[in-house]
Amino acid sequence: MLLIVVPDVFSQNWDVNTLHRINNWNDGFIRNYNKVISRTEPYLAIGVPVAMALTGWIANDRQLLKNSLYVGTSVAGAFVLSYGMKYLVGRERPYVRYPDRVHPYSYEHSPSFPSAHTATAFALATSLSVKYPKWYVIVPSALWACSVGVSRMNEGVHYPSDVIAGAAIGAGCAVLNVYVNRWLNRWLFGH
């Protein structure tokens, strides 16, 4: 009989214990940083592609319009996929399931798995990095996306596995969307 030993990295104990530690980072600066970062996600995830599109339209910059379409559809795809999965999986929020171990600093009304904030943050960061592969785009966008994921755990609204899945969905949507946007650009722009 062949036994394969796989570390139980995604067990519920690992998830809850790791979340408990991150949720207890309650130093004033850390709490405020995480609260602000968590709240920036919808504004940046929507605002960046919209600002790109408006700038491209005003400047009559076809390439910027194409890039805004790619970034925007990457974020939208991650949002739709992560919210669809939330309701298919139906995982309880950690503060509901483990009220004695997880303190909610904010409350959410949707299911927990996966983290949609993290998915859209990683879709934005990855798509910007694909279109603008410069260190001054990659480093801040990756740092911001990772901070969004950590902030969701510090807020007590997501397990680490929710955040890891969200990051994979977001980055995966941006990578897959490279190919989808080639077709979209031919259809919309004739190239």
N, C-alpha and C. Protein backbone atom coordinates (compact mmCIF):
# COMPACT_ATOMS: atom_id res chain seq x y z
N MET A 1 0.84 -1.17 0.00
CA MET A 1 0.00 0.00 0.00
C MET A 1 0.90 1.25 0.00
N LEU A 2 0.61 2.16 -0.90
CA LEU A 2 1.39 3.38 -1.04
C LEU A 2 0.70 4.51 -0.29
N LEU A 3 1.43 5.11 0.61
CA LEU A 3 0.91 6.25 1.36
C LEU A 3 1.59 7.52 0.88
N ILE A 4 0.80 8.49 0.56
CA ILE A 4 1.35 9.79 0.18
C ILE A 4 1.03 10.74 1.32
N VAL A 5 2.06 11.33 1.87
CA VAL A 5 1.87 12.26 2.97
C VAL A 5 1.87 13.68 2.40
N VAL A 6 0.76 14.36 2.59
CA VAL A 6 0.62 15.73 2.12
C VAL A 6 0.38 16.60 3.36
N PRO A 7 1.16 17.66 3.50
CA PRO A 7 0.91 18.53 4.66
C PRO A 7 -0.51 19.09 4.60
N ASP A 8 -1.13 19.11 5.74
CA ASP A 8 -2.52 19.56 5.82
C ASP A 8 -2.59 21.08 5.94
N VAL A 9 -2.05 21.75 4.92
CA VAL A 9 -1.95 23.21 4.94
C VAL A 9 -3.33 23.86 4.91
N PHE A 10 -4.28 23.28 4.24
CA PHE A 10 -5.58 23.91 4.10
C PHE A 10 -6.64 23.31 5.02
N SER A 11 -6.18 22.70 6.11
CA SER A 11 -7.15 22.17 7.07
C SER A 11 -7.83 23.33 7.79
N GLN A 12 -8.96 23.03 8.38
CA GLN A 12 -9.70 24.06 9.10
C GLN A 12 -8.88 24.58 10.28
N ASN A 13 -8.11 23.70 10.96
CA ASN A 13 -7.29 24.15 12.09
C ASN A 13 -6.26 25.17 11.65
N TRP A 14 -5.57 24.90 10.55
CA TRP A 14 -4.58 25.85 10.04
C TRP A 14 -5.25 27.17 9.69
N ASP A 15 -6.37 27.08 9.01
CA ASP A 15 -7.12 28.28 8.60
C ASP A 15 -7.53 29.13 9.80
N VAL A 16 -8.11 28.49 10.80
CA VAL A 16 -8.62 29.21 11.97
C VAL A 16 -7.48 29.73 12.84
N ASN A 17 -6.45 28.92 13.04
CA ASN A 17 -5.32 29.35 13.87
C ASN A 17 -4.58 30.53 13.24
N THR A 18 -4.34 30.47 11.93
CA THR A 18 -3.67 31.56 11.23
C THR A 18 -4.54 32.82 11.26
N LEU A 19 -5.82 32.65 10.99
CA LEU A 19 -6.74 33.79 11.04
C LEU A 19 -6.76 34.41 12.43
N HIS A 20 -6.80 33.58 13.46
CA HIS A 20 -6.83 34.07 14.84
C HIS A 20 -5.61 34.95 15.12
N ARG A 21 -4.43 34.52 14.67
CA ARG A 21 -3.21 35.31 14.89
C ARG A 21 -3.29 36.65 14.14
N ILE A 22 -3.69 36.61 12.87
CA ILE A 22 -3.74 37.85 12.07
C ILE A 22 -4.84 38.78 12.58
N ASN A 23 -5.96 38.21 12.98
CA ASN A 23 -7.07 39.00 13.50
C ASN A 23 -6.69 39.72 14.81
N ASN A 24 -5.72 39.19 15.53
CA ASN A 24 -5.29 39.79 16.79
C ASN A 24 -4.21 40.84 16.63
N TRP A 25 -3.83 41.17 15.40
CA TRP A 25 -2.92 42.30 15.19
C TRP A 25 -3.75 43.55 15.40
N ASN A 26 -3.81 44.03 16.60
CA ASN A 26 -4.71 45.15 16.87
C ASN A 26 -4.00 46.40 17.36
N ASP A 27 -2.71 46.51 17.08
CA ASP A 27 -1.99 47.76 17.33
C ASP A 27 -2.71 48.87 16.54
N GLY A 28 -2.76 50.06 17.09
CA GLY A 28 -3.50 51.16 16.45
C GLY A 28 -3.14 51.40 15.01
N PHE A 29 -1.83 51.45 14.69
CA PHE A 29 -1.41 51.70 13.31
C PHE A 29 -1.84 50.55 12.39
N ILE A 30 -1.61 49.33 12.82
CA ILE A 30 -1.94 48.16 11.99
C ILE A 30 -3.44 48.09 11.74
N ARG A 31 -4.24 48.29 12.78
CA ARG A 31 -5.70 48.25 12.62
C ARG A 31 -6.17 49.33 11.65
N ASN A 32 -5.67 50.54 11.81
CA ASN A 32 -6.09 51.64 10.94
C ASN A 32 -5.62 51.42 9.51
N TYR A 33 -4.39 50.94 9.33
CA TYR A 33 -3.86 50.64 8.00
C TYR A 33 -4.75 49.61 7.31
N ASN A 34 -5.07 48.53 8.02
CA ASN A 34 -5.90 47.47 7.43
C ASN A 34 -7.31 47.94 7.12
N LYS A 35 -7.86 48.76 7.97
CA LYS A 35 -9.21 49.30 7.73
C LYS A 35 -9.21 50.15 6.46
N VAL A 36 -8.22 51.02 6.32
CA VAL A 36 -8.14 51.90 5.15
C VAL A 36 -7.90 51.08 3.89
N ILE A 37 -6.94 50.16 3.92
CA ILE A 37 -6.61 49.35 2.74
C ILE A 37 -7.83 48.55 2.29
N SER A 38 -8.53 47.94 3.24
CA SER A 38 -9.70 47.14 2.89
C SER A 38 -10.75 48.00 2.19
N ARG A 39 -10.90 49.22 2.63
CA ARG A 39 -11.92 50.11 2.05
C ARG A 39 -11.50 50.74 0.73
N THR A 40 -10.20 50.71 0.39
CA THR A 40 -9.76 51.29 -0.89
C THR A 40 -10.08 50.38 -2.07
N GLU A 41 -10.26 49.10 -1.80
CA GLU A 41 -10.40 48.12 -2.89
C GLU A 41 -11.49 48.48 -3.90
N PRO A 42 -12.74 48.73 -3.52
CA PRO A 42 -13.74 48.99 -4.57
C PRO A 42 -13.45 50.26 -5.35
N TYR A 43 -12.91 51.27 -4.68
CA TYR A 43 -12.64 52.54 -5.36
C TYR A 43 -11.52 52.40 -6.39
N LEU A 44 -10.46 51.69 -6.02
CA LEU A 44 -9.36 51.51 -6.96
C LEU A 44 -9.70 50.49 -8.05
N ALA A 45 -10.36 49.40 -7.68
CA ALA A 45 -10.69 48.37 -8.66
C ALA A 45 -11.61 48.90 -9.76
N ILE A 46 -12.48 49.83 -9.41
CA ILE A 46 -13.37 50.44 -10.40
C ILE A 46 -12.74 51.71 -10.97
N GLY A 47 -12.16 52.51 -10.10
CA GLY A 47 -11.64 53.82 -10.50
C GLY A 47 -10.48 53.78 -11.46
N VAL A 48 -9.56 52.84 -11.29
CA VAL A 48 -8.38 52.81 -12.17
C VAL A 48 -8.77 52.52 -13.62
N PRO A 49 -9.53 51.45 -13.91
CA PRO A 49 -9.89 51.24 -15.32
C PRO A 49 -10.78 52.34 -15.90
N VAL A 50 -11.65 52.92 -15.08
CA VAL A 50 -12.49 54.03 -15.56
C VAL A 50 -11.63 55.25 -15.87
N ALA A 51 -10.69 55.56 -14.99
CA ALA A 51 -9.79 56.70 -15.23
C ALA A 51 -8.94 56.47 -16.48
N MET A 52 -8.49 55.24 -16.67
CA MET A 52 -7.73 54.90 -17.88
C MET A 52 -8.58 55.12 -19.12
N ALA A 53 -9.82 54.65 -19.08
CA ALA A 53 -10.72 54.78 -20.24
C ALA A 53 -11.02 56.25 -20.54
N LEU A 54 -11.31 57.02 -19.51
CA LEU A 54 -11.60 58.45 -19.72
C LEU A 54 -10.38 59.18 -20.27
N THR A 55 -9.22 58.88 -19.72
CA THR A 55 -8.00 59.52 -20.21
C THR A 55 -7.72 59.11 -21.66
N GLY A 56 -7.91 57.84 -21.95
CA GLY A 56 -7.71 57.36 -23.33
C GLY A 56 -8.69 57.98 -24.30
N TRP A 57 -9.93 58.16 -23.86
CA TRP A 57 -10.95 58.76 -24.72
C TRP A 57 -10.65 60.24 -24.95
N ILE A 58 -10.32 60.98 -23.88
CA ILE A 58 -10.03 62.41 -24.00
C ILE A 58 -8.79 62.64 -24.85
N ALA A 59 -7.75 61.82 -24.63
CA ALA A 59 -6.49 61.98 -25.37
C ALA A 59 -6.52 61.29 -26.74
N ASN A 60 -7.64 60.63 -27.04
CA ASN A 60 -7.75 59.87 -28.28
C ASN A 60 -6.59 58.86 -28.42
N ASP A 61 -6.32 58.19 -27.30
CA ASP A 61 -5.23 57.21 -27.20
C ASP A 61 -5.83 55.81 -27.28
N ARG A 62 -5.77 55.23 -28.45
CA ARG A 62 -6.39 53.92 -28.71
C ARG A 62 -5.77 52.82 -27.84
N GLN A 63 -4.45 52.87 -27.65
CA GLN A 63 -3.79 51.84 -26.84
C GLN A 63 -4.23 51.92 -25.38
N LEU A 64 -4.37 53.12 -24.85
CA LEU A 64 -4.84 53.26 -23.47
C LEU A 64 -6.29 52.77 -23.35
N LEU A 65 -7.10 53.01 -24.36
CA LEU A 65 -8.47 52.48 -24.35
C LEU A 65 -8.47 50.96 -24.34
N LYS A 66 -7.61 50.35 -25.16
CA LYS A 66 -7.49 48.89 -25.17
C LYS A 66 -7.03 48.37 -23.81
N ASN A 67 -6.05 49.05 -23.23
CA ASN A 67 -5.55 48.62 -21.92
C ASN A 67 -6.62 48.76 -20.84
N SER A 68 -7.40 49.84 -20.92
CA SER A 68 -8.47 50.03 -19.93
C SER A 68 -9.53 48.94 -20.07
N LEU A 69 -9.82 48.54 -21.29
CA LEU A 69 -10.77 47.46 -21.52
C LEU A 69 -10.25 46.16 -20.91
N TYR A 70 -8.97 45.88 -21.11
CA TYR A 70 -8.37 44.67 -20.54
C TYR A 70 -8.39 44.70 -19.02
N VAL A 71 -7.96 45.80 -18.43
CA VAL A 71 -7.93 45.91 -16.97
C VAL A 71 -9.35 45.82 -16.40
N GLY A 72 -10.27 46.56 -16.99
CA GLY A 72 -11.65 46.57 -16.51
C GLY A 72 -12.33 45.21 -16.62
N THR A 73 -12.13 44.52 -17.73
CA THR A 73 -12.77 43.20 -17.88
C THR A 73 -12.09 42.15 -16.99
N SER A 74 -10.82 42.33 -16.68
CA SER A 74 -10.15 41.42 -15.75
C SER A 74 -10.76 41.56 -14.36
N VAL A 75 -10.94 42.79 -13.92
CA VAL A 75 -11.54 43.05 -12.61
C VAL A 75 -12.99 42.56 -12.58
N ALA A 76 -13.74 42.87 -13.63
CA ALA A 76 -15.14 42.44 -13.69
C ALA A 76 -15.26 40.92 -13.69
N GLY A 77 -14.40 40.25 -14.43
CA GLY A 77 -14.42 38.78 -14.46
C GLY A 77 -14.13 38.19 -13.09
N ALA A 78 -13.15 38.75 -12.39
CA ALA A 78 -12.81 38.26 -11.05
C ALA A 78 -13.97 38.50 -10.08
N PHE A 79 -14.62 39.64 -10.21
CA PHE A 79 -15.76 39.96 -9.35
C PHE A 79 -16.90 38.97 -9.56
N VAL A 80 -17.27 38.76 -10.82
CA VAL A 80 -18.39 37.86 -11.14
C VAL A 80 -18.08 36.43 -10.71
N LEU A 81 -16.88 35.95 -11.02
CA LEU A 81 -16.50 34.58 -10.67
C LEU A 81 -16.46 34.40 -9.15
N SER A 82 -15.87 35.34 -8.43
CA SER A 82 -15.76 35.18 -6.97
C SER A 82 -17.14 35.27 -6.30
N TYR A 83 -17.99 36.17 -6.75
CA TYR A 83 -19.32 36.25 -6.15
C TYR A 83 -20.17 35.03 -6.49
N GLY A 84 -20.03 34.52 -7.70
CA GLY A 84 -20.74 33.28 -8.05
C GLY A 84 -20.31 32.13 -7.18
N MET A 85 -19.00 32.02 -6.96
CA MET A 85 -18.48 30.94 -6.11
C MET A 85 -18.92 31.09 -4.66
N LYS A 86 -19.01 32.32 -4.18
CA LYS A 86 -19.45 32.55 -2.80
C LYS A 86 -20.80 31.87 -2.53
N TYR A 87 -21.72 32.07 -3.47
CA TYR A 87 -23.06 31.54 -3.25
C TYR A 87 -23.16 30.06 -3.59
N LEU A 88 -22.25 29.55 -4.41
CA LEU A 88 -22.21 28.10 -4.65
C LEU A 88 -21.65 27.37 -3.43
N VAL A 89 -20.59 27.91 -2.84
CA VAL A 89 -19.94 27.27 -1.70
C VAL A 89 -20.71 27.53 -0.41
N GLY A 90 -21.11 28.77 -0.18
CA GLY A 90 -21.92 29.11 0.98
C GLY A 90 -21.20 29.00 2.32
N ARG A 91 -19.92 29.27 2.36
CA ARG A 91 -19.15 29.16 3.60
C ARG A 91 -19.48 30.31 4.54
N GLU A 92 -19.71 29.97 5.81
CA GLU A 92 -19.99 30.99 6.82
C GLU A 92 -18.77 31.87 7.06
N ARG A 93 -19.02 33.12 7.38
CA ARG A 93 -17.94 34.02 7.76
C ARG A 93 -17.28 33.49 9.03
N PRO A 94 -15.96 33.72 9.16
CA PRO A 94 -15.27 33.17 10.33
C PRO A 94 -15.79 33.71 11.66
N TYR A 95 -16.21 34.96 11.71
CA TYR A 95 -16.72 35.50 12.97
C TYR A 95 -18.07 34.91 13.35
N VAL A 96 -18.78 34.34 12.37
CA VAL A 96 -20.05 33.65 12.66
C VAL A 96 -19.76 32.23 13.15
N ARG A 97 -18.86 31.55 12.46
CA ARG A 97 -18.53 30.15 12.78
C ARG A 97 -17.71 30.03 14.06
N TYR A 98 -16.81 30.97 14.31
CA TYR A 98 -15.91 30.92 15.47
C TYR A 98 -15.97 32.23 16.26
N PRO A 99 -17.11 32.55 16.84
CA PRO A 99 -17.24 33.84 17.53
C PRO A 99 -16.29 33.98 18.74
N ASP A 100 -15.85 32.86 19.29
CA ASP A 100 -14.94 32.90 20.43
C ASP A 100 -13.48 33.10 20.01
N ARG A 101 -13.17 32.94 18.71
CA ARG A 101 -11.78 33.05 18.24
C ARG A 101 -11.55 34.21 17.29
N VAL A 102 -12.61 34.69 16.64
CA VAL A 102 -12.45 35.72 15.61
C VAL A 102 -13.31 36.92 15.96
N HIS A 103 -12.66 38.08 16.06
CA HIS A 103 -13.38 39.31 16.34
C HIS A 103 -13.66 40.05 15.03
N PRO A 104 -14.91 40.33 14.73
CA PRO A 104 -15.22 41.08 13.50
C PRO A 104 -15.02 42.58 13.72
N TYR A 105 -14.13 43.16 12.93
CA TYR A 105 -13.97 44.61 12.95
C TYR A 105 -14.90 45.26 11.93
N SER A 106 -15.44 44.43 11.05
CA SER A 106 -16.48 44.86 10.12
C SER A 106 -17.36 43.65 9.86
N TYR A 107 -18.52 43.88 9.30
CA TYR A 107 -19.48 42.81 9.04
C TYR A 107 -19.80 42.77 7.56
N GLU A 108 -19.93 41.57 7.04
CA GLU A 108 -20.29 41.35 5.64
C GLU A 108 -21.56 40.52 5.60
N HIS A 109 -22.32 40.67 4.54
CA HIS A 109 -23.60 39.95 4.44
C HIS A 109 -23.58 38.82 3.43
N SER A 110 -22.48 38.66 2.72
CA SER A 110 -22.38 37.57 1.75
C SER A 110 -21.56 36.44 2.36
N PRO A 111 -21.60 35.25 1.75
CA PRO A 111 -20.76 34.15 2.23
C PRO A 111 -19.26 34.48 2.13
N SER A 112 -18.45 33.65 2.75
CA SER A 112 -17.04 33.95 2.94
C SER A 112 -16.12 33.54 1.78
N PHE A 113 -16.31 32.36 1.22
CA PHE A 113 -15.35 31.81 0.25
C PHE A 113 -15.79 32.04 -1.19
N PRO A 114 -14.90 32.61 -2.00
CA PRO A 114 -13.59 33.20 -1.77
C PRO A 114 -13.70 34.69 -1.46
N SER A 115 -12.56 35.32 -1.18
CA SER A 115 -12.56 36.75 -0.90
C SER A 115 -12.65 37.54 -2.20
N ALA A 116 -13.78 38.19 -2.42
CA ALA A 116 -13.98 38.98 -3.65
C ALA A 116 -13.10 40.23 -3.64
N HIS A 117 -12.90 40.84 -2.45
CA HIS A 117 -12.00 41.99 -2.38
C HIS A 117 -10.61 41.60 -2.87
N THR A 118 -10.13 40.45 -2.39
CA THR A 118 -8.80 39.99 -2.79
C THR A 118 -8.77 39.63 -4.26
N ALA A 119 -9.82 39.00 -4.76
CA ALA A 119 -9.88 38.61 -6.17
C ALA A 119 -9.79 39.83 -7.08
N THR A 120 -10.57 40.86 -6.80
CA THR A 120 -10.54 42.04 -7.67
C THR A 120 -9.24 42.82 -7.50
N ALA A 121 -8.68 42.83 -6.28
CA ALA A 121 -7.40 43.50 -6.06
C ALA A 121 -6.29 42.82 -6.86
N PHE A 122 -6.26 41.49 -6.84
CA PHE A 122 -5.24 40.77 -7.60
C PHE A 122 -5.49 40.85 -9.10
N ALA A 123 -6.74 40.91 -9.52
CA ALA A 123 -7.03 41.09 -10.94
C ALA A 123 -6.50 42.45 -11.41
N LEU A 124 -6.73 43.48 -10.60
CA LEU A 124 -6.24 44.81 -10.95
C LEU A 124 -4.72 44.83 -10.98
N ALA A 125 -4.09 44.33 -9.92
CA ALA A 125 -2.63 44.36 -9.83
C ALA A 125 -1.98 43.54 -10.95
N THR A 126 -2.52 42.37 -11.23
CA THR A 126 -1.94 41.51 -12.26
C THR A 126 -2.14 42.10 -13.64
N SER A 127 -3.33 42.60 -13.93
CA SER A 127 -3.58 43.16 -15.26
C SER A 127 -2.75 44.42 -15.50
N LEU A 128 -2.60 45.26 -14.48
CA LEU A 128 -1.74 46.44 -14.64
C LEU A 128 -0.29 46.01 -14.87
N SER A 129 0.15 44.98 -14.16
CA SER A 129 1.52 44.49 -14.31
C SER A 129 1.76 43.86 -15.67
N VAL A 130 0.73 43.22 -16.23
CA VAL A 130 0.85 42.64 -17.58
C VAL A 130 0.98 43.76 -18.61
N LYS A 131 0.17 44.79 -18.50
CA LYS A 131 0.18 45.87 -19.49
C LYS A 131 1.31 46.86 -19.30
N TYR A 132 1.76 47.03 -18.07
CA TYR A 132 2.83 47.98 -17.77
C TYR A 132 3.90 47.28 -16.92
N PRO A 133 4.71 46.42 -17.55
CA PRO A 133 5.66 45.60 -16.79
C PRO A 133 6.90 46.38 -16.33
N LYS A 134 6.67 47.38 -15.53
CA LYS A 134 7.73 48.20 -14.94
C LYS A 134 7.69 48.02 -13.43
N TRP A 135 8.85 48.07 -12.79
CA TRP A 135 8.91 47.85 -11.35
C TRP A 135 8.02 48.84 -10.60
N TYR A 136 7.90 50.07 -11.07
CA TYR A 136 7.12 51.08 -10.37
C TYR A 136 5.61 50.88 -10.53
N VAL A 137 5.20 49.94 -11.36
CA VAL A 137 3.80 49.53 -11.43
C VAL A 137 3.62 48.22 -10.67
N ILE A 138 4.51 47.27 -10.91
CA ILE A 138 4.40 45.93 -10.32
C ILE A 138 4.51 45.97 -8.80
N VAL A 139 5.53 46.63 -8.27
CA VAL A 139 5.77 46.61 -6.82
C VAL A 139 4.61 47.25 -6.03
N PRO A 140 4.20 48.48 -6.35
CA PRO A 140 3.10 49.05 -5.56
C PRO A 140 1.77 48.31 -5.74
N SER A 141 1.49 47.85 -6.95
CA SER A 141 0.21 47.16 -7.15
C SER A 141 0.20 45.80 -6.45
N ALA A 142 1.32 45.09 -6.46
CA ALA A 142 1.41 43.80 -5.76
C ALA A 142 1.33 44.01 -4.25
N LEU A 143 2.02 45.03 -3.76
CA LEU A 143 1.98 45.33 -2.33
C LEU A 143 0.56 45.68 -1.90
N TRP A 144 -0.13 46.49 -2.70
CA TRP A 144 -1.50 46.86 -2.38
C TRP A 144 -2.41 45.63 -2.38
N ALA A 145 -2.31 44.78 -3.42
CA ALA A 145 -3.17 43.59 -3.50
C ALA A 145 -2.93 42.66 -2.32
N CYS A 146 -1.68 42.43 -1.97
CA CYS A 146 -1.37 41.58 -0.81
C CYS A 146 -1.90 42.21 0.48
N SER A 147 -1.79 43.52 0.59
CA SER A 147 -2.30 44.22 1.77
C SER A 147 -3.81 44.10 1.88
N VAL A 148 -4.51 44.11 0.74
CA VAL A 148 -5.96 43.92 0.76
C VAL A 148 -6.28 42.54 1.33
N GLY A 149 -5.57 41.52 0.87
CA GLY A 149 -5.81 40.16 1.38
C GLY A 149 -5.57 40.06 2.88
N VAL A 150 -4.47 40.60 3.35
CA VAL A 150 -4.16 40.56 4.78
C VAL A 150 -5.20 41.36 5.56
N SER A 151 -5.61 42.50 5.02
CA SER A 151 -6.59 43.33 5.72
C SER A 151 -7.92 42.61 5.90
N ARG A 152 -8.29 41.79 4.95
CA ARG A 152 -9.56 41.06 5.05
C ARG A 152 -9.50 40.04 6.19
N MET A 153 -8.32 39.47 6.42
CA MET A 153 -8.16 38.57 7.56
C MET A 153 -8.09 39.35 8.86
N ASN A 154 -7.37 40.45 8.87
CA ASN A 154 -7.28 41.27 10.07
C ASN A 154 -8.65 41.81 10.47
N GLU A 155 -9.49 42.10 9.50
CA GLU A 155 -10.86 42.57 9.78
C GLU A 155 -11.72 41.44 10.35
N GLY A 156 -11.26 40.18 10.20
CA GLY A 156 -12.01 39.04 10.73
C GLY A 156 -13.10 38.54 9.81
N VAL A 157 -13.08 38.96 8.53
CA VAL A 157 -14.16 38.58 7.62
C VAL A 157 -13.79 37.46 6.66
N HIS A 158 -12.51 37.06 6.63
CA HIS A 158 -12.08 35.98 5.73
C HIS A 158 -11.03 35.08 6.36
N TYR A 159 -11.12 33.81 6.03
CA TYR A 159 -10.08 32.84 6.37
C TYR A 159 -8.91 33.01 5.41
N PRO A 160 -7.71 32.55 5.78
CA PRO A 160 -6.59 32.57 4.84
C PRO A 160 -6.90 31.83 3.54
N SER A 161 -7.62 30.71 3.60
CA SER A 161 -7.94 29.99 2.36
C SER A 161 -8.87 30.79 1.46
N ASP A 162 -9.73 31.63 2.03
CA ASP A 162 -10.57 32.53 1.22
C ASP A 162 -9.70 33.51 0.44
N VAL A 163 -8.69 34.04 1.15
CA VAL A 163 -7.80 35.04 0.55
C VAL A 163 -6.91 34.41 -0.52
N ILE A 164 -6.38 33.23 -0.24
CA ILE A 164 -5.53 32.53 -1.22
C ILE A 164 -6.35 32.22 -2.48
N ALA A 165 -7.58 31.74 -2.29
CA ALA A 165 -8.44 31.46 -3.45
C ALA A 165 -8.77 32.74 -4.21
N GLY A 166 -9.05 33.81 -3.49
CA GLY A 166 -9.33 35.09 -4.14
C GLY A 166 -8.15 35.58 -4.96
N ALA A 167 -6.95 35.45 -4.41
CA ALA A 167 -5.74 35.86 -5.13
C ALA A 167 -5.56 35.04 -6.40
N ALA A 168 -5.79 33.74 -6.30
CA ALA A 168 -5.65 32.86 -7.47
C ALA A 168 -6.70 33.19 -8.54
N ILE A 169 -7.92 33.46 -8.10
CA ILE A 169 -8.99 33.82 -9.05
C ILE A 169 -8.65 35.13 -9.75
N GLY A 170 -8.24 36.13 -8.98
CA GLY A 170 -7.93 37.44 -9.56
C GLY A 170 -6.77 37.38 -10.55
N ALA A 171 -5.67 36.77 -10.13
CA ALA A 171 -4.51 36.66 -11.02
C ALA A 171 -4.85 35.79 -12.22
N GLY A 172 -5.59 34.71 -11.99
CA GLY A 172 -5.98 33.82 -13.09
C GLY A 172 -6.88 34.51 -14.10
N CYS A 173 -7.82 35.31 -13.63
CA CYS A 173 -8.70 36.05 -14.54
C CYS A 173 -7.89 37.02 -15.41
N ALA A 174 -6.91 37.70 -14.80
CA ALA A 174 -6.09 38.65 -15.56
C ALA A 174 -5.26 37.93 -16.62
N VAL A 175 -4.70 36.78 -16.28
CA VAL A 175 -3.88 36.02 -17.24
C VAL A 175 -4.76 35.46 -18.36
N LEU A 176 -5.87 34.84 -18.01
CA LEU A 176 -6.79 34.29 -19.01
C LEU A 176 -7.34 35.39 -19.90
N ASN A 177 -7.56 36.55 -19.32
CA ASN A 177 -8.15 37.66 -20.05
C ASN A 177 -7.22 38.24 -21.12
N VAL A 178 -5.93 37.95 -21.03
CA VAL A 178 -5.01 38.36 -22.11
C VAL A 178 -5.53 37.80 -23.43
N TYR A 179 -5.93 36.53 -23.41
CA TYR A 179 -6.40 35.86 -24.62
C TYR A 179 -7.81 36.31 -25.01
N VAL A 180 -8.67 36.49 -24.03
CA VAL A 180 -10.03 36.97 -24.31
C VAL A 180 -9.98 38.37 -24.93
N ASN A 181 -9.10 39.22 -24.41
CA ASN A 181 -9.01 40.58 -24.92
C ASN A 181 -8.40 40.67 -26.31
N ARG A 182 -7.61 39.71 -26.71
CA ARG A 182 -7.13 39.70 -28.09
C ARG A 182 -8.33 39.61 -29.03
N TRP A 183 -9.27 38.74 -28.70
CA TRP A 183 -10.48 38.60 -29.50
C TRP A 183 -11.32 39.88 -29.40
N LEU A 184 -11.50 40.41 -28.18
CA LEU A 184 -12.30 41.63 -28.00
C LEU A 184 -11.73 42.81 -28.78
N ASN A 185 -10.41 42.96 -28.75
CA ASN A 185 -9.77 44.07 -29.48
C ASN A 185 -9.98 43.95 -30.98
N ARG A 186 -9.90 42.72 -31.51
CA ARG A 186 -10.17 42.54 -32.94
C ARG A 186 -11.61 42.90 -33.27
N TRP A 187 -12.52 42.51 -32.40
CA TRP A 187 -13.94 42.75 -32.62
C TRP A 187 -14.27 44.24 -32.47
N LEU A 188 -13.75 44.90 -31.42
CA LEU A 188 -14.09 46.31 -31.16
C LEU A 188 -13.26 47.30 -31.95
N PHE A 189 -11.96 47.01 -32.10
CA PHE A 189 -11.05 47.98 -32.70
C PHE A 189 -10.55 47.56 -34.08
N GLY A 190 -10.88 46.36 -34.50
CA GLY A 190 -10.46 45.90 -35.83
C GLY A 190 -8.99 45.54 -35.93
N HIS A 191 -8.34 45.31 -34.79
CA HIS A 191 -6.92 44.92 -34.80
C HIS A 191 -6.72 43.68 -33.98
